[in-house]
Amino acid sequence: MKSREWKWGLIIGVVNIVWLIVSWLAGWHGGGIGSFQVAIVMGFFLSFVGFALAFREMTGTEPETTFSEGLRFGALVAALSALLTAGGWALYLWKVNPGMSAHLVSEVRAYYTSAGVAP
């Protein structure tokens, strides 16, 4: 594994963790389920931009990169960023906002109840 995979995996993972905390501080996690969904989608787009920049750097420095090398690069970056992001979510749910899971379950139940769906 080259240092470029580590670099971009860490950058994307840290950006995801920072976005999680920023969206929580903005109050998007305590409102309705819609605001939380918007925060999640925005986090997805931040990851997408990170991957686009990573592949741009890779092809800029190594223009002769083959498809399989690019696939390997993307898989390693994705694995590293996913591990870091999952660790950040675990810490968030364990220490920062331990009631988040129960809040989301109650929001989903309230949504389906208001739509007339039986339990």
C-alpha atoms as a PDB file:
ATOM      1  CA  MET A   1       0.000   0.000   0.000  1.00  0.00           C
ATOM      2  CA  LYS A   2       1.401   3.348  -1.028  1.00  0.00           C
ATOM      3  CA  SER A   3       1.301   6.496   1.041  1.00  0.00           C
ATOM      4  CA  ARG A   4      -1.256   7.997  -1.369  1.00  0.00           C
ATOM      5  CA  GLU A   5      -3.893   5.449  -0.313  1.00  0.00           C
ATOM      6  CA  TRP A   6      -3.244   6.227   3.337  1.00  0.00           C
ATOM      7  CA  LYS A   7      -3.350   9.958   2.669  1.00  0.00           C
ATOM      8  CA  TRP A   8      -6.704   9.937   0.873  1.00  0.00           C
ATOM      9  CA  GLY A   9      -8.245   7.309   3.136  1.00  0.00           C
ATOM     10  CA  LEU A  10      -7.399   9.442   6.160  1.00  0.00           C
ATOM     11  CA  ILE A  11      -8.527  12.681   4.510  1.00  0.00           C
ATOM     12  CA  ILE A  12     -11.913  11.280   3.483  1.00  0.00           C
ATOM     13  CA  GLY A  13     -12.435   9.560   6.848  1.00  0.00           C
ATOM     14  CA  VAL A  14     -11.551  12.680   8.837  1.00  0.00           C
ATOM     15  CA  VAL A  15     -13.785  14.852   6.637  1.00  0.00           C
ATOM     16  CA  ASN A  16     -16.671  12.450   7.314  1.00  0.00           C
ATOM     17  CA  ILE A  17     -16.087  12.605  11.069  1.00  0.00           C
ATOM     18  CA  VAL A  18     -15.812  16.398  11.017  1.00  0.00           C
ATOM     19  CA  TRP A  19     -19.016  16.631   8.967  1.00  0.00           C
ATOM     20  CA  LEU A  20     -20.780  14.346  11.459  1.00  0.00           C
ATOM     21  CA  ILE A  21     -19.825  16.624  14.348  1.00  0.00           C
ATOM     22  CA  VAL A  22     -20.603  19.843  12.434  1.00  0.00           C
ATOM     23  CA  SER A  23     -24.050  18.612  11.400  1.00  0.00           C
ATOM     24  CA  TRP A  24     -24.707  17.554  15.007  1.00  0.00           C
ATOM     25  CA  LEU A  25     -23.616  20.960  16.321  1.00  0.00           C
ATOM     26  CA  ALA A  26     -25.869  22.616  13.735  1.00  0.00           C
ATOM     27  CA  GLY A  27     -28.794  20.733  15.286  1.00  0.00           C
ATOM     28  CA  TRP A  28     -29.604  18.563  12.283  1.00  0.00           C
ATOM     29  CA  HIS A  29     -29.534  15.349  14.320  1.00  0.00           C
ATOM     30  CA  GLY A  30     -32.079  16.415  16.903  1.00  0.00           C
ATOM     31  CA  GLY A  31     -34.785  17.573  14.539  1.00  0.00           C
ATOM     32  CA  GLY A  32     -36.949  15.492  12.311  1.00  0.00           C
ATOM     33  CA  ILE A  33     -35.748  12.603  10.249  1.00  0.00           C
ATOM     34  CA  GLY A  34     -35.658  14.766   7.112  1.00  0.00           C
ATOM     35  CA  SER A  35     -32.901  17.045   8.404  1.00  0.00           C
ATOM     36  CA  PHE A  36     -30.833  14.035   9.425  1.00  0.00           C
ATOM     37  CA  GLN A  37     -31.271  12.543   5.951  1.00  0.00           C
ATOM     38  CA  VAL A  38     -30.070  15.791   4.374  1.00  0.00           C
ATOM     39  CA  ALA A  39     -26.988  15.708   6.592  1.00  0.00           C
ATOM     40  CA  ILE A  40     -26.247  12.117   5.535  1.00  0.00           C
ATOM     41  CA  VAL A  41     -26.628  12.943   1.829  1.00  0.00           C
ATOM     42  CA  MET A  42     -24.329  15.949   2.183  1.00  0.00           C
ATOM     43  CA  GLY A  43     -21.773  13.684   3.850  1.00  0.00           C
ATOM     44  CA  PHE A  44     -22.042  11.334   0.880  1.00  0.00           C
ATOM     45  CA  PHE A  45     -21.262  14.178  -1.505  1.00  0.00           C
ATOM     46  CA  LEU A  46     -18.252  15.196   0.592  1.00  0.00           C
ATOM     47  CA  SER A  47     -16.956  11.634   0.249  1.00  0.00           C
ATOM     48  CA  PHE A  48     -17.641  11.699  -3.487  1.00  0.00           C
ATOM     49  CA  VAL A  49     -15.614  14.906  -3.862  1.00  0.00           C
ATOM     50  CA  GLY A  50     -12.794  13.322  -1.833  1.00  0.00           C
ATOM     51  CA  PHE A  51     -12.701  10.287  -4.107  1.00  0.00           C
ATOM     52  CA  ALA A  52     -12.784  12.489  -7.224  1.00  0.00           C
ATOM     53  CA  LEU A  53      -9.801  14.466  -5.916  1.00  0.00           C
ATOM     54  CA  ALA A  54      -7.966  11.269  -4.994  1.00  0.00           C
ATOM     55  CA  PHE A  55      -8.416   9.767  -8.463  1.00  0.00           C
ATOM     56  CA  ARG A  56      -7.476  13.080 -10.060  1.00  0.00           C
ATOM     57  CA  GLU A  57      -4.210  13.111  -8.115  1.00  0.00           C
ATOM     58  CA  MET A  58      -3.525   9.472  -8.973  1.00  0.00           C
ATOM     59  CA  THR A  59      -4.050   9.931 -12.696  1.00  0.00           C
ATOM     60  CA  GLY A  60      -2.170  13.229 -12.653  1.00  0.00           C
ATOM     61  CA  THR A  61       0.961  11.723 -11.143  1.00  0.00           C
ATOM     62  CA  GLU A  62       0.671   8.331 -12.852  1.00  0.00           C
ATOM     63  CA  PRO A  63      -1.166   8.829 -16.164  1.00  0.00           C
ATOM     64  CA  GLU A  64      -0.319   5.290 -17.300  1.00  0.00           C
ATOM     65  CA  THR A  65      -2.399   3.781 -14.486  1.00  0.00           C
ATOM     66  CA  THR A  66      -4.320   0.690 -15.567  1.00  0.00           C
ATOM     67  CA  PHE A  67      -7.935  -0.046 -14.679  1.00  0.00           C
ATOM     68  CA  SER A  68      -6.963  -2.733 -12.169  1.00  0.00           C
ATOM     69  CA  GLU A  69      -4.473  -0.395 -10.463  1.00  0.00           C
ATOM     70  CA  GLY A  70      -7.162   2.284 -10.212  1.00  0.00           C
ATOM     71  CA  LEU A  71      -9.630  -0.247  -8.860  1.00  0.00           C
ATOM     72  CA  ARG A  72      -7.104  -1.387  -6.248  1.00  0.00           C
ATOM     73  CA  PHE A  73      -6.371   2.228  -5.305  1.00  0.00           C
ATOM     74  CA  GLY A  74     -10.075   3.039  -4.914  1.00  0.00           C
ATOM     75  CA  ALA A  75     -10.766  -0.088  -2.888  1.00  0.00           C
ATOM     76  CA  LEU A  76      -7.921   0.646  -0.468  1.00  0.00           C
ATOM     77  CA  VAL A  77      -8.957   4.286  -0.050  1.00  0.00           C
ATOM     78  CA  ALA A  78     -12.572   3.192   0.491  1.00  0.00           C
ATOM     79  CA  ALA A  79     -11.577   0.578   3.070  1.00  0.00           C
ATOM     80  CA  LEU A  80      -9.394   2.986   5.036  1.00  0.00           C
ATOM     81  CA  SER A  81     -11.955   5.796   4.973  1.00  0.00           C
ATOM     82  CA  ALA A  82     -14.762   3.386   5.908  1.00  0.00           C
ATOM     83  CA  LEU A  83     -12.824   2.058   8.907  1.00  0.00           C
ATOM     84  CA  LEU A  84     -12.096   5.546  10.137  1.00  0.00           C
ATOM     85  CA  THR A  85     -15.655   6.746   9.518  1.00  0.00           C
ATOM     86  CA  ALA A  86     -17.157   3.711  11.265  1.00  0.00           C
ATOM     87  CA  GLY A  87     -14.892   4.341  14.243  1.00  0.00           C
ATOM     88  CA  GLY A  88     -16.010   7.967  14.314  1.00  0.00           C
ATOM     89  CA  TRP A  89     -19.681   6.935  14.196  1.00  0.00           C
ATOM     90  CA  ALA A  90     -19.130   4.416  16.987  1.00  0.00           C
ATOM     91  CA  LEU A  91     -17.501   7.080  19.145  1.00  0.00           C
ATOM     92  CA  TYR A  92     -20.281   9.529  18.280  1.00  0.00           C
ATOM     93  CA  LEU A  93     -23.039   7.061  19.195  1.00  0.00           C
ATOM     94  CA  TRP A  94     -21.232   5.907  22.323  1.00  0.00           C
ATOM     95  CA  LYS A  95     -19.988   9.192  23.804  1.00  0.00           C
ATOM     96  CA  VAL A  96     -21.244  12.301  21.988  1.00  0.00           C
ATOM     97  CA  ASN A  97     -24.902  11.462  21.316  1.00  0.00           C
ATOM     98  CA  PRO A  98     -25.818   8.117  22.902  1.00  0.00           C
ATOM     99  CA  GLY A  99     -29.561   8.729  22.488  1.00  0.00           C
ATOM    100  CA  MET A 100     -29.348   9.106  18.713  1.00  0.00           C
ATOM    101  CA  SER A 101     -30.423   5.545  17.889  1.00  0.00           C
ATOM    102  CA  ALA A 102     -33.510   5.751  20.106  1.00  0.00           C
ATOM    103  CA  HIS A 103     -34.335   9.176  18.651  1.00  0.00           C
ATOM    104  CA  LEU A 104     -34.172   7.870  15.072  1.00  0.00           C
ATOM    105  CA  VAL A 105     -36.332   4.854  15.930  1.00  0.00           C
ATOM    106  CA  SER A 106     -38.962   7.128  17.490  1.00  0.00           C
ATOM    107  CA  GLU A 107     -38.860   9.450  14.460  1.00  0.00           C
ATOM    108  CA  VAL A 108     -39.375   6.562  12.049  1.00  0.00           C
ATOM    109  CA  ARG A 109     -42.215   5.188  14.153  1.00  0.00           C
ATOM    110  CA  ALA A 110     -43.859   8.614  14.286  1.00  0.00           C
ATOM    111  CA  TYR A 111     -43.548   8.967  10.523  1.00  0.00           C
ATOM    112  CA  TYR A 112     -45.176   5.630   9.804  1.00  0.00           C
ATOM    113  CA  THR A 113     -47.875   6.187  12.422  1.00  0.00           C
ATOM    114  CA  SER A 114     -48.749   9.535  10.835  1.00  0.00           C
ATOM    115  CA  ALA A 115     -48.913   7.781   7.435  1.00  0.00           C
ATOM    116  CA  GLY A 116     -51.454   5.342   8.855  1.00  0.00           C
ATOM    117  CA  VAL A 117     -49.244   2.263   8.813  1.00  0.00           C
ATOM    118  CA  ALA A 118     -50.120  -0.191  11.591  1.00  0.00           C
ATOM    119  CA  PRO A 119     -47.331  -1.374  13.917  1.00  0.00           C
END
